[in-house]
Amino acid sequence: MAKKPAAETTPSERRQALADDVAAFLNAGNKIKRIPSGVSGQDPLGRGQPFRLGNPKK
């Protein structure tokens, strides 16, 4: 079965949709957390794959 082509949206329509989604999120009582630059979501005990921030060393 073929997929339906996605409707074209303009950048301003996407910005407005994002602003509406954020407003709905905040109105539901949720909060947006600010994560400092350089902080990783990786497991601090080292389980899982290694994750490096920044440019790789040559």
Protein backbone atom coordinates (compact mmCIF):
# COMPACT_ATOMS: atom_id res chain seq x y z
CA MET A 1 0.00 0.00 0.00
CA ALA A 2 1.41 3.39 -1.00
CA LYS A 3 1.87 6.14 1.55
CA LYS A 4 -0.12 9.32 1.18
CA PRO A 5 2.10 12.29 0.34
CA ALA A 6 2.63 14.56 3.33
CA ALA A 7 0.99 17.95 3.10
CA GLU A 8 3.48 20.73 2.43
CA THR A 9 3.87 23.14 5.32
CA THR A 10 5.62 26.45 5.43
CA PRO A 11 8.24 27.30 8.06
CA SER A 12 5.82 29.75 9.70
CA GLU A 13 3.17 27.01 9.94
CA ARG A 14 5.69 24.65 11.55
CA ARG A 15 6.77 27.38 14.02
CA GLN A 16 3.13 28.04 14.94
CA ALA A 17 2.46 24.30 15.40
CA LEU A 18 5.51 24.01 17.66
CA ALA A 19 4.44 27.07 19.69
CA ASP A 20 0.94 25.55 20.07
CA ASP A 21 2.42 22.21 21.20
CA VAL A 22 4.68 23.92 23.76
CA ALA A 23 1.76 25.99 25.09
CA ALA A 24 -0.38 22.85 25.46
CA PHE A 25 2.50 21.09 27.25
CA LEU A 26 2.95 23.98 29.70
CA ASN A 27 -0.81 24.42 30.22
CA ALA A 28 -1.03 20.73 31.18
CA GLY A 29 1.17 21.56 34.19
CA ASN A 30 4.43 20.27 32.75
CA LYS A 31 7.72 22.14 32.98
CA ILE A 32 10.63 22.50 30.58
CA LYS A 33 14.02 21.60 32.06
CA ARG A 34 17.14 23.42 30.96
CA ILE A 35 20.07 21.05 30.61
CA PRO A 36 23.56 22.59 30.82
CA SER A 37 25.78 22.27 27.77
CA GLY A 38 28.00 19.19 27.90
CA VAL A 39 25.70 17.10 30.13
CA SER A 40 25.01 13.61 28.82
CA GLY A 41 21.99 11.41 29.36
CA GLN A 42 24.20 8.30 29.39
CA ASP A 43 24.19 5.98 32.35
CA PRO A 44 26.82 7.27 34.85
CA LEU A 45 27.77 3.70 35.79
CA GLY A 46 29.08 3.09 32.28
CA ARG A 47 26.47 0.60 31.12
CA GLY A 48 25.56 0.94 27.48
CA GLN A 49 27.53 2.37 24.62
CA PRO A 50 30.12 5.08 25.20
CA PHE A 51 29.03 8.59 24.37
CA ARG A 52 31.42 11.45 23.70
CA LEU A 53 30.53 15.12 23.54
CA GLY A 54 32.47 17.52 21.41
CA ASN A 55 34.86 16.93 18.53
CA PRO A 56 36.60 13.56 18.20
CA LYS A 57 40.34 13.51 18.88
CA LYS A 58 42.54 12.80 15.86
